[in-house]
Amino acid sequence: MLLNRKAMNVLGLAIWLALPVFLLIMPADYFDQGLVICPSKRFLNLECPGCGLTRAVQYSIHFNFSEAWSLNRGIVLILPLMLLLYIHVLGRLLNKKWLTWMKKSD
């Protein structure tokens, strides 16, 4: 059982570390075309507060903050929160206590 948990932890760590690299390799405009998956935009033709956020994150990862801002201004809140979450999960996978104030309550 311990080997299974350790193997899963290593796999999770590998995926977690590869994710930003994968997004950085992809072109910034990768999500600009394609199928619209937002139900509000698709069925009601109304933009919700989250519309453009995926594309804004992708542009932010490529350091194109002006384009990210024009797609969704919520990026100024979401990006720091995503960075904190990324660091927190990375710390949990490495059994480190970097952000102790984010610990799960028992």
N, C-alpha and C. Protein backbone atom coordinates (compact mmCIF):
# COMPACT_ATOMS: atom_id res chain seq x y z
N MET A 1 0.83 -1.20 0.00
CA MET A 1 0.00 0.00 0.00
C MET A 1 0.87 1.26 0.00
N LEU A 2 1.98 1.24 0.75
CA LEU A 2 2.87 2.39 0.81
C LEU A 2 3.50 2.67 -0.55
N LEU A 3 3.87 1.63 -1.26
CA LEU A 3 4.46 1.79 -2.59
C LEU A 3 3.46 2.42 -3.55
N ASN A 4 2.22 1.99 -3.46
CA ASN A 4 1.19 2.56 -4.31
C ASN A 4 1.02 4.05 -4.05
N ARG A 5 0.98 4.43 -2.79
CA ARG A 5 0.80 5.84 -2.44
C ARG A 5 2.02 6.66 -2.88
N LYS A 6 3.21 6.10 -2.68
CA LYS A 6 4.42 6.80 -3.09
C LYS A 6 4.50 6.93 -4.61
N ALA A 7 4.14 5.88 -5.32
CA ALA A 7 4.15 5.93 -6.78
C ALA A 7 3.15 6.96 -7.29
N MET A 8 1.99 7.01 -6.68
CA MET A 8 0.98 7.99 -7.08
C MET A 8 1.45 9.41 -6.78
N ASN A 9 2.16 9.58 -5.68
CA ASN A 9 2.69 10.89 -5.32
C ASN A 9 3.74 11.35 -6.33
N VAL A 10 4.61 10.43 -6.75
CA VAL A 10 5.62 10.76 -7.76
C VAL A 10 4.96 11.09 -9.10
N LEU A 11 3.96 10.31 -9.48
CA LEU A 11 3.23 10.58 -10.72
C LEU A 11 2.55 11.94 -10.66
N GLY A 12 1.90 12.22 -9.55
CA GLY A 12 1.24 13.52 -9.38
C GLY A 12 2.22 14.67 -9.45
N LEU A 13 3.39 14.49 -8.84
CA LEU A 13 4.42 15.52 -8.87
C LEU A 13 4.93 15.74 -10.30
N ALA A 14 5.14 14.66 -11.04
CA ALA A 14 5.61 14.77 -12.42
C ALA A 14 4.60 15.52 -13.29
N ILE A 15 3.34 15.20 -13.13
CA ILE A 15 2.29 15.88 -13.91
C ILE A 15 2.20 17.35 -13.50
N TRP A 16 2.27 17.62 -12.20
CA TRP A 16 2.14 18.98 -11.68
C TRP A 16 3.30 19.86 -12.16
N LEU A 17 4.49 19.28 -12.24
CA LEU A 17 5.65 20.04 -12.73
C LEU A 17 5.63 20.21 -14.24
N ALA A 18 5.06 19.25 -14.96
CA ALA A 18 5.03 19.30 -16.42
C ALA A 18 3.95 20.24 -16.94
N LEU A 19 2.91 20.47 -16.17
CA LEU A 19 1.78 21.28 -16.64
C LEU A 19 2.19 22.69 -17.09
N PRO A 20 2.90 23.48 -16.28
CA PRO A 20 3.26 24.82 -16.77
C PRO A 20 4.22 24.78 -17.95
N VAL A 21 5.08 23.79 -18.00
CA VAL A 21 6.00 23.65 -19.13
C VAL A 21 5.20 23.39 -20.41
N PHE A 22 4.23 22.49 -20.30
CA PHE A 22 3.36 22.17 -21.44
C PHE A 22 2.61 23.42 -21.92
N LEU A 23 2.06 24.19 -20.98
CA LEU A 23 1.32 25.40 -21.36
C LEU A 23 2.24 26.46 -21.95
N LEU A 24 3.48 26.50 -21.50
CA LEU A 24 4.43 27.47 -22.04
C LEU A 24 4.87 27.09 -23.45
N ILE A 25 4.96 25.80 -23.73
CA ILE A 25 5.34 25.33 -25.06
C ILE A 25 4.23 25.62 -26.07
N MET A 26 2.98 25.50 -25.63
CA MET A 26 1.85 25.76 -26.53
C MET A 26 1.84 27.24 -26.92
N PRO A 27 1.43 27.58 -28.14
CA PRO A 27 1.36 28.99 -28.52
C PRO A 27 0.35 29.74 -27.66
N ALA A 28 0.59 31.02 -27.45
CA ALA A 28 -0.29 31.82 -26.61
C ALA A 28 -1.72 31.87 -27.16
N ASP A 29 -1.86 31.83 -28.48
CA ASP A 29 -3.20 31.93 -29.08
C ASP A 29 -3.83 30.56 -29.34
N TYR A 30 -3.33 29.53 -28.70
CA TYR A 30 -3.83 28.17 -28.92
C TYR A 30 -5.33 28.05 -28.65
N PHE A 31 -5.82 28.70 -27.61
CA PHE A 31 -7.23 28.57 -27.24
C PHE A 31 -8.12 29.62 -27.90
N ASP A 32 -7.57 30.43 -28.81
CA ASP A 32 -8.36 31.47 -29.45
C ASP A 32 -9.40 30.92 -30.43
N GLN A 33 -9.11 29.79 -31.04
CA GLN A 33 -10.07 29.18 -31.96
C GLN A 33 -10.60 27.90 -31.32
N GLY A 34 -11.70 27.45 -31.83
CA GLY A 34 -12.23 26.18 -31.37
C GLY A 34 -13.65 26.31 -30.85
N LEU A 35 -14.12 25.22 -30.31
CA LEU A 35 -15.48 25.12 -29.82
C LEU A 35 -15.67 25.92 -28.54
N VAL A 36 -16.75 26.69 -28.48
CA VAL A 36 -17.10 27.44 -27.27
C VAL A 36 -17.77 26.47 -26.30
N ILE A 37 -17.20 26.35 -25.09
CA ILE A 37 -17.77 25.41 -24.12
C ILE A 37 -18.56 26.09 -23.01
N CYS A 38 -18.52 27.41 -22.95
CA CYS A 38 -19.27 28.14 -21.93
C CYS A 38 -20.77 28.06 -22.24
N PRO A 39 -21.57 27.48 -21.34
CA PRO A 39 -23.02 27.35 -21.60
C PRO A 39 -23.71 28.70 -21.79
N SER A 40 -23.29 29.70 -21.03
CA SER A 40 -23.90 31.03 -21.15
C SER A 40 -23.65 31.62 -22.53
N LYS A 41 -22.44 31.51 -23.00
CA LYS A 41 -22.09 32.05 -24.32
C LYS A 41 -22.71 31.22 -25.44
N ARG A 42 -22.73 29.93 -25.24
CA ARG A 42 -23.20 29.03 -26.29
C ARG A 42 -24.72 29.08 -26.48
N PHE A 43 -25.47 29.05 -25.39
CA PHE A 43 -26.92 28.96 -25.51
C PHE A 43 -27.63 30.30 -25.41
N LEU A 44 -27.08 31.24 -24.64
CA LEU A 44 -27.75 32.53 -24.45
C LEU A 44 -27.05 33.67 -25.18
N ASN A 45 -25.86 33.39 -25.73
CA ASN A 45 -25.05 34.39 -26.40
C ASN A 45 -24.72 35.57 -25.47
N LEU A 46 -24.54 35.26 -24.17
CA LEU A 46 -24.15 36.25 -23.18
C LEU A 46 -22.82 35.83 -22.56
N GLU A 47 -21.92 36.78 -22.40
CA GLU A 47 -20.65 36.46 -21.77
C GLU A 47 -20.80 36.45 -20.26
N CYS A 48 -20.27 35.41 -19.64
CA CYS A 48 -20.29 35.31 -18.18
C CYS A 48 -19.00 35.93 -17.63
N PRO A 49 -18.88 36.11 -16.31
CA PRO A 49 -17.65 36.69 -15.75
C PRO A 49 -16.41 35.86 -16.03
N GLY A 50 -16.55 34.58 -16.33
CA GLY A 50 -15.40 33.73 -16.59
C GLY A 50 -15.02 33.64 -18.06
N CYS A 51 -15.82 34.23 -18.94
CA CYS A 51 -15.51 34.16 -20.37
C CYS A 51 -14.17 34.82 -20.65
N GLY A 52 -13.32 34.11 -21.36
CA GLY A 52 -12.01 34.62 -21.73
C GLY A 52 -10.94 34.34 -20.71
N LEU A 53 -11.30 33.73 -19.59
CA LEU A 53 -10.32 33.51 -18.53
C LEU A 53 -9.27 32.48 -18.91
N THR A 54 -9.66 31.41 -19.59
CA THR A 54 -8.69 30.41 -20.02
C THR A 54 -7.67 31.03 -20.97
N ARG A 55 -8.16 31.81 -21.91
CA ARG A 55 -7.26 32.47 -22.85
C ARG A 55 -6.40 33.51 -22.14
N ALA A 56 -6.98 34.21 -21.16
CA ALA A 56 -6.22 35.21 -20.40
C ALA A 56 -5.09 34.56 -19.61
N VAL A 57 -5.35 33.40 -19.02
CA VAL A 57 -4.30 32.68 -18.29
C VAL A 57 -3.20 32.26 -19.26
N GLN A 58 -3.59 31.76 -20.42
CA GLN A 58 -2.59 31.31 -21.39
C GLN A 58 -1.72 32.48 -21.85
N TYR A 59 -2.32 33.63 -22.10
CA TYR A 59 -1.54 34.80 -22.50
C TYR A 59 -0.65 35.27 -21.35
N SER A 60 -1.12 35.16 -20.11
CA SER A 60 -0.32 35.55 -18.95
C SER A 60 0.89 34.64 -18.79
N ILE A 61 0.72 33.36 -19.04
CA ILE A 61 1.83 32.42 -18.95
C ILE A 61 2.91 32.80 -19.96
N HIS A 62 2.50 33.39 -21.08
CA HIS A 62 3.44 33.84 -22.10
C HIS A 62 3.84 35.30 -21.90
N PHE A 63 3.51 35.86 -20.73
CA PHE A 63 3.88 37.23 -20.34
C PHE A 63 3.30 38.30 -21.25
N ASN A 64 2.16 38.03 -21.85
CA ASN A 64 1.46 39.03 -22.65
C ASN A 64 0.27 39.52 -21.81
N PHE A 65 0.60 40.36 -20.82
CA PHE A 65 -0.40 40.77 -19.84
C PHE A 65 -1.42 41.75 -20.41
N SER A 66 -1.05 42.54 -21.40
CA SER A 66 -2.02 43.47 -21.98
C SER A 66 -3.14 42.70 -22.71
N GLU A 67 -2.77 41.66 -23.42
CA GLU A 67 -3.79 40.84 -24.10
C GLU A 67 -4.64 40.09 -23.08
N ALA A 68 -4.00 39.59 -22.03
CA ALA A 68 -4.73 38.89 -20.97
C ALA A 68 -5.74 39.83 -20.31
N TRP A 69 -5.31 41.06 -20.05
CA TRP A 69 -6.19 42.06 -19.44
C TRP A 69 -7.38 42.37 -20.35
N SER A 70 -7.14 42.44 -21.65
CA SER A 70 -8.22 42.75 -22.58
C SER A 70 -9.22 41.59 -22.71
N LEU A 71 -8.76 40.37 -22.48
CA LEU A 71 -9.66 39.22 -22.56
C LEU A 71 -10.54 39.07 -21.33
N ASN A 72 -9.95 39.27 -20.15
CA ASN A 72 -10.72 39.18 -18.91
C ASN A 72 -9.96 39.89 -17.81
N ARG A 73 -10.55 40.92 -17.26
CA ARG A 73 -9.87 41.72 -16.23
C ARG A 73 -9.78 40.99 -14.89
N GLY A 74 -10.49 39.91 -14.75
CA GLY A 74 -10.40 39.11 -13.54
C GLY A 74 -9.07 38.39 -13.40
N ILE A 75 -8.25 38.47 -14.42
CA ILE A 75 -6.94 37.81 -14.39
C ILE A 75 -6.08 38.36 -13.27
N VAL A 76 -6.28 39.61 -12.88
CA VAL A 76 -5.46 40.19 -11.80
C VAL A 76 -5.76 39.52 -10.45
N LEU A 77 -6.92 38.91 -10.32
CA LEU A 77 -7.26 38.16 -9.10
C LEU A 77 -6.96 36.68 -9.26
N ILE A 78 -7.29 36.14 -10.42
CA ILE A 78 -7.18 34.70 -10.64
C ILE A 78 -5.73 34.25 -10.73
N LEU A 79 -4.88 34.99 -11.42
CA LEU A 79 -3.50 34.55 -11.61
C LEU A 79 -2.73 34.42 -10.29
N PRO A 80 -2.78 35.40 -9.38
CA PRO A 80 -2.10 35.20 -8.09
C PRO A 80 -2.68 34.04 -7.28
N LEU A 81 -4.00 33.87 -7.34
CA LEU A 81 -4.62 32.74 -6.62
C LEU A 81 -4.18 31.41 -7.21
N MET A 82 -4.09 31.35 -8.54
CA MET A 82 -3.63 30.12 -9.18
C MET A 82 -2.17 29.83 -8.82
N LEU A 83 -1.36 30.87 -8.74
CA LEU A 83 0.05 30.69 -8.37
C LEU A 83 0.16 30.18 -6.93
N LEU A 84 -0.62 30.74 -6.02
CA LEU A 84 -0.63 30.26 -4.64
C LEU A 84 -1.09 28.80 -4.56
N LEU A 85 -2.12 28.48 -5.30
CA LEU A 85 -2.62 27.10 -5.31
C LEU A 85 -1.57 26.15 -5.88
N TYR A 86 -0.89 26.57 -6.94
CA TYR A 86 0.16 25.75 -7.54
C TYR A 86 1.28 25.48 -6.52
N ILE A 87 1.72 26.53 -5.83
CA ILE A 87 2.77 26.38 -4.82
C ILE A 87 2.30 25.49 -3.68
N HIS A 88 1.07 25.66 -3.26
CA HIS A 88 0.52 24.85 -2.17
C HIS A 88 0.48 23.37 -2.54
N VAL A 89 -0.05 23.05 -3.70
CA VAL A 89 -0.14 21.65 -4.13
C VAL A 89 1.26 21.07 -4.33
N LEU A 90 2.17 21.86 -4.89
CA LEU A 90 3.55 21.40 -5.06
C LEU A 90 4.17 21.08 -3.70
N GLY A 91 3.94 21.93 -2.73
CA GLY A 91 4.44 21.68 -1.38
C GLY A 91 3.85 20.43 -0.77
N ARG A 92 2.56 20.21 -0.97
CA ARG A 92 1.91 18.99 -0.45
C ARG A 92 2.49 17.74 -1.11
N LEU A 93 2.74 17.81 -2.42
CA LEU A 93 3.31 16.66 -3.12
C LEU A 93 4.74 16.37 -2.67
N LEU A 94 5.45 17.42 -2.25
CA LEU A 94 6.82 17.25 -1.78
C LEU A 94 6.91 17.10 -0.26
N ASN A 95 5.74 17.06 0.39
CA ASN A 95 5.66 16.97 1.85
C ASN A 95 6.37 18.14 2.54
N LYS A 96 6.23 19.32 1.96
CA LYS A 96 6.77 20.55 2.55
C LYS A 96 5.63 21.38 3.09
N LYS A 97 5.93 22.24 4.02
CA LYS A 97 4.91 23.11 4.60
C LYS A 97 5.26 24.56 4.28
N TRP A 98 5.12 24.91 3.01
CA TRP A 98 5.46 26.26 2.58
C TRP A 98 4.37 27.26 2.94
N LEU A 99 3.15 26.91 2.70
CA LEU A 99 2.03 27.81 2.97
C LEU A 99 1.17 27.21 4.07
N THR A 100 1.62 27.32 5.30
CA THR A 100 0.93 26.66 6.41
C THR A 100 -0.46 27.23 6.65
N TRP A 101 -0.70 28.46 6.29
CA TRP A 101 -2.01 29.05 6.50
C TRP A 101 -3.06 28.47 5.53
N MET A 102 -2.62 27.71 4.51
CA MET A 102 -3.55 27.09 3.58
C MET A 102 -3.80 25.63 3.92
N LYS A 103 -3.34 25.17 5.08
CA LYS A 103 -3.46 23.75 5.40
C LYS A 103 -4.91 23.35 5.57
N LYS A 104 -5.17 22.09 5.30
CA LYS A 104 -6.52 21.53 5.40
C LYS A 104 -6.84 21.32 6.88
N SER A 105 -8.00 21.78 7.30
CA SER A 105 -8.41 21.61 8.70
C SER A 105 -8.89 20.18 8.91
N ASP A 106 -8.57 19.64 10.08
CA ASP A 106 -8.96 18.25 10.38
C ASP A 106 -10.33 18.16 10.99
